[in-house]
Each structure stands twice: as structure tokens, then as C-alpha cells.
Amino acid sequence: MSSDSNIERERKVIELYKEGKTTREIAKIAKMSFRDIGFILKKAGLSHGIINTEDDDKNKNKSSSEKATQAYKLFNEGKKPVQVAIELGLREKQVNKFFREFWKLKRLNELYQLYPEIEHCLPSFLKLHKD
């Protein structure tokens, strides 16, 4: 295999990883082994989750904790979830989790408890509230 095709494969793996694909999804799309994907991601300085050591777990928890703290600060400044997601590079699921935690921290317990029940009809609920 030529050097150019190896570089292209590495770019593809990194691109898929940055799109949020799992190692399993990358392996299927790029037709590569987990080992090769892990090597490429490690070489690029990206976490790949294939090998979990205690240090990786500690860094992951610290990073998650730092992201949560940053998210809470941004929510407190009035930023919307989409703005927080973009600024911190988070996925929708993470941002929503942090947003619900933020509600709890701000003692918006009633809103936190009510939201899952009205989430599907939120536009109608908001219209009713405005009238």
C-alpha cells in the first residue's frame, strides 16, 4: 500500500472519530482493525477508548468534570444548550445531561421533574403559558 493511501486512511479514521463515530463504526466503514484504528488515533493524540487504564479513567473523569463545570458556568451566563455544545465541543446527550444537572443545582427541581413529561408537547405548553 502506498504512503498516500495510508495518509488518506488515517485522515478518514480521524474524520470519522471527530464526527463522533465509535471505534466499531469506524472499523466497519474504513474496513480496518480496532488495533489499527487505535494506533492511528493514539498517533494523532486522540483518545480512542480501546485501552482503559487507570490513568485514562482518571483523565476521562477529570475532563468530564471540567466540561461539566464549564457548561454550568455558560448556562449560568444565559447561554443556550446549542451554544454550549458548540463552544465546548459536546454532543447533544452530554449537553442535555449537564443542562438538567444545572437545573437541579439552581434548585429548579419542579422544572426538572416536569420537563420529561412535557418535552414532547413543549411548543403547545409554551404557547399556553404565553396566553
Protein backbone atom coordinates (compact mmCIF):
# COMPACT_ATOMS: atom_id res chain seq x y z
CA MET A 1 0.00 0.00 0.00
CA SER A 2 1.36 3.42 -0.88
CA SER A 3 2.17 6.13 1.61
CA ASP A 4 -0.52 8.37 0.11
CA SER A 5 -3.23 5.76 0.66
CA ASN A 6 -2.04 5.26 4.27
CA ILE A 7 -2.26 9.01 4.88
CA GLU A 8 -5.74 9.07 3.35
CA ARG A 9 -6.86 6.15 5.56
CA GLU A 10 -5.51 7.96 8.64
CA ARG A 11 -7.37 11.13 7.65
CA LYS A 12 -10.57 9.14 7.17
CA VAL A 13 -10.25 7.50 10.61
CA ILE A 14 -9.62 10.85 12.30
CA GLU A 15 -12.51 12.47 10.42
CA LEU A 16 -14.90 9.68 11.45
CA TYR A 17 -13.70 9.90 15.05
CA LYS A 18 -14.29 13.66 15.13
CA GLU A 19 -17.79 13.08 13.76
CA GLY A 20 -18.46 11.08 16.92
CA LYS A 21 -18.31 7.60 15.40
CA THR A 22 -17.42 4.73 17.71
CA THR A 23 -14.38 2.56 17.11
CA ARG A 24 -16.71 -0.22 15.97
CA GLU A 25 -18.41 2.09 13.44
CA ILE A 26 -15.04 3.35 12.18
CA ALA A 27 -13.82 -0.24 11.76
CA LYS A 28 -16.89 -1.13 9.70
CA ILE A 29 -16.73 1.98 7.50
CA ALA A 30 -12.95 2.04 6.99
CA LYS A 31 -12.63 -1.78 6.92
CA MET A 32 -9.83 -1.67 9.50
CA SER A 33 -8.99 -3.49 12.71
CA PHE A 34 -9.55 -1.95 16.13
CA ARG A 35 -5.79 -2.19 16.68
CA ASP A 36 -5.01 -0.13 13.56
CA ILE A 37 -7.67 2.44 14.43
CA GLY A 38 -6.31 2.70 17.96
CA PHE A 39 -2.80 3.20 16.63
CA ILE A 40 -3.93 6.00 14.29
CA LEU A 41 -5.91 7.77 16.99
CA LYS A 42 -3.10 7.44 19.51
CA LYS A 43 -0.63 8.77 16.92
CA ALA A 44 -2.96 11.74 16.34
CA GLY A 45 -3.18 12.38 20.09
CA LEU A 46 -6.86 11.46 20.29
CA SER A 47 -8.46 9.28 22.94
CA HIS A 48 -9.95 6.16 21.44
CA GLY A 49 -11.35 4.22 24.38
CA ILE A 50 -9.95 0.86 23.25
CA ILE A 51 -7.50 0.54 26.13
CA ASN A 52 -8.76 1.67 29.52
CA THR A 53 -6.02 2.19 32.07
CA GLU A 54 -6.48 3.81 35.46
CA ASP A 55 -4.75 6.96 34.18
CA ASP A 56 -7.10 7.09 31.18
CA ASP A 57 -10.09 6.73 33.52
CA LYS A 58 -8.80 9.48 35.82
CA ASN A 59 -8.18 11.81 32.87
CA LYS A 60 -11.56 10.98 31.40
CA ASN A 61 -13.31 11.72 34.71
CA LYS A 62 -11.33 14.92 35.19
CA SER A 63 -12.09 16.01 31.65
CA SER A 64 -15.79 15.21 32.10
CA SER A 65 -15.84 17.09 35.39
CA GLU A 66 -14.12 20.08 33.83
CA LYS A 67 -16.57 20.04 30.91
CA ALA A 68 -19.49 19.94 33.35
CA THR A 69 -18.09 22.89 35.28
CA GLN A 70 -17.56 24.87 32.08
CA ALA A 71 -21.09 24.01 30.91
CA TYR A 72 -22.65 25.10 34.23
CA LYS A 73 -20.79 28.40 34.00
CA LEU A 74 -22.01 29.02 30.45
CA PHE A 75 -25.60 28.10 31.34
CA ASN A 76 -25.38 30.46 34.29
CA GLU A 77 -24.32 33.22 31.87
CA GLY A 78 -27.52 32.60 29.90
CA LYS A 79 -26.06 30.55 27.06
CA LYS A 80 -28.40 28.14 25.31
CA PRO A 81 -27.61 24.41 25.11
CA VAL A 82 -26.69 24.64 21.42
CA GLN A 83 -24.22 27.45 22.18
CA VAL A 84 -22.68 25.41 25.00
CA ALA A 85 -22.43 22.35 22.74
CA ILE A 86 -20.60 24.34 20.08
CA GLU A 87 -18.29 26.15 22.47
CA LEU A 88 -17.28 23.04 24.43
CA GLY A 89 -17.45 20.55 21.57
CA LEU A 90 -20.07 18.41 23.30
CA ARG A 91 -22.67 16.08 21.88
CA GLU A 92 -26.38 16.66 22.40
CA LYS A 93 -26.70 13.93 25.02
CA GLN A 94 -23.89 15.40 27.15
CA VAL A 95 -25.22 18.95 26.92
CA ASN A 96 -28.73 17.89 27.91
CA LYS A 97 -27.33 15.93 30.85
CA PHE A 98 -25.36 18.97 32.02
CA PHE A 99 -28.38 21.24 31.47
CA ARG A 100 -30.61 19.02 33.64
CA GLU A 101 -27.88 18.95 36.30
CA PHE A 102 -27.69 22.75 36.08
CA TRP A 103 -31.44 22.96 36.70
CA LYS A 104 -31.03 20.82 39.81
CA LEU A 105 -28.14 22.96 41.03
CA LYS A 106 -30.21 26.10 40.59
CA ARG A 107 -32.98 24.40 42.56
CA LEU A 108 -35.30 24.30 39.59
CA ASN A 109 -36.47 20.90 40.78
CA GLU A 110 -40.04 21.38 39.64
CA LEU A 111 -38.90 22.25 36.12
CA TYR A 112 -36.52 19.29 36.16
CA GLN A 113 -39.35 16.93 37.16
CA LEU A 114 -41.89 18.44 34.78
CA TYR A 115 -39.70 18.62 31.67
CA PRO A 116 -39.60 14.88 30.82
CA GLU A 117 -43.40 14.80 31.00
CA ILE A 118 -43.97 17.81 28.70
CA GLU A 119 -40.92 17.52 26.45
CA HIS A 120 -42.90 16.08 23.52
CA CYS A 121 -45.54 18.83 23.69
CA LEU A 122 -43.30 21.70 24.75
CA PRO A 123 -44.37 24.09 21.92
CA SER A 124 -48.04 23.76 22.96
CA PHE A 125 -47.11 24.14 26.62
CA LEU A 126 -45.15 27.32 25.91
CA LYS A 127 -47.99 28.73 23.82
CA LEU A 128 -50.42 28.03 26.67
CA HIS A 129 -48.05 29.72 29.12
CA LYS A 130 -47.75 32.86 26.96
CA ASP A 131 -51.53 33.27 26.57
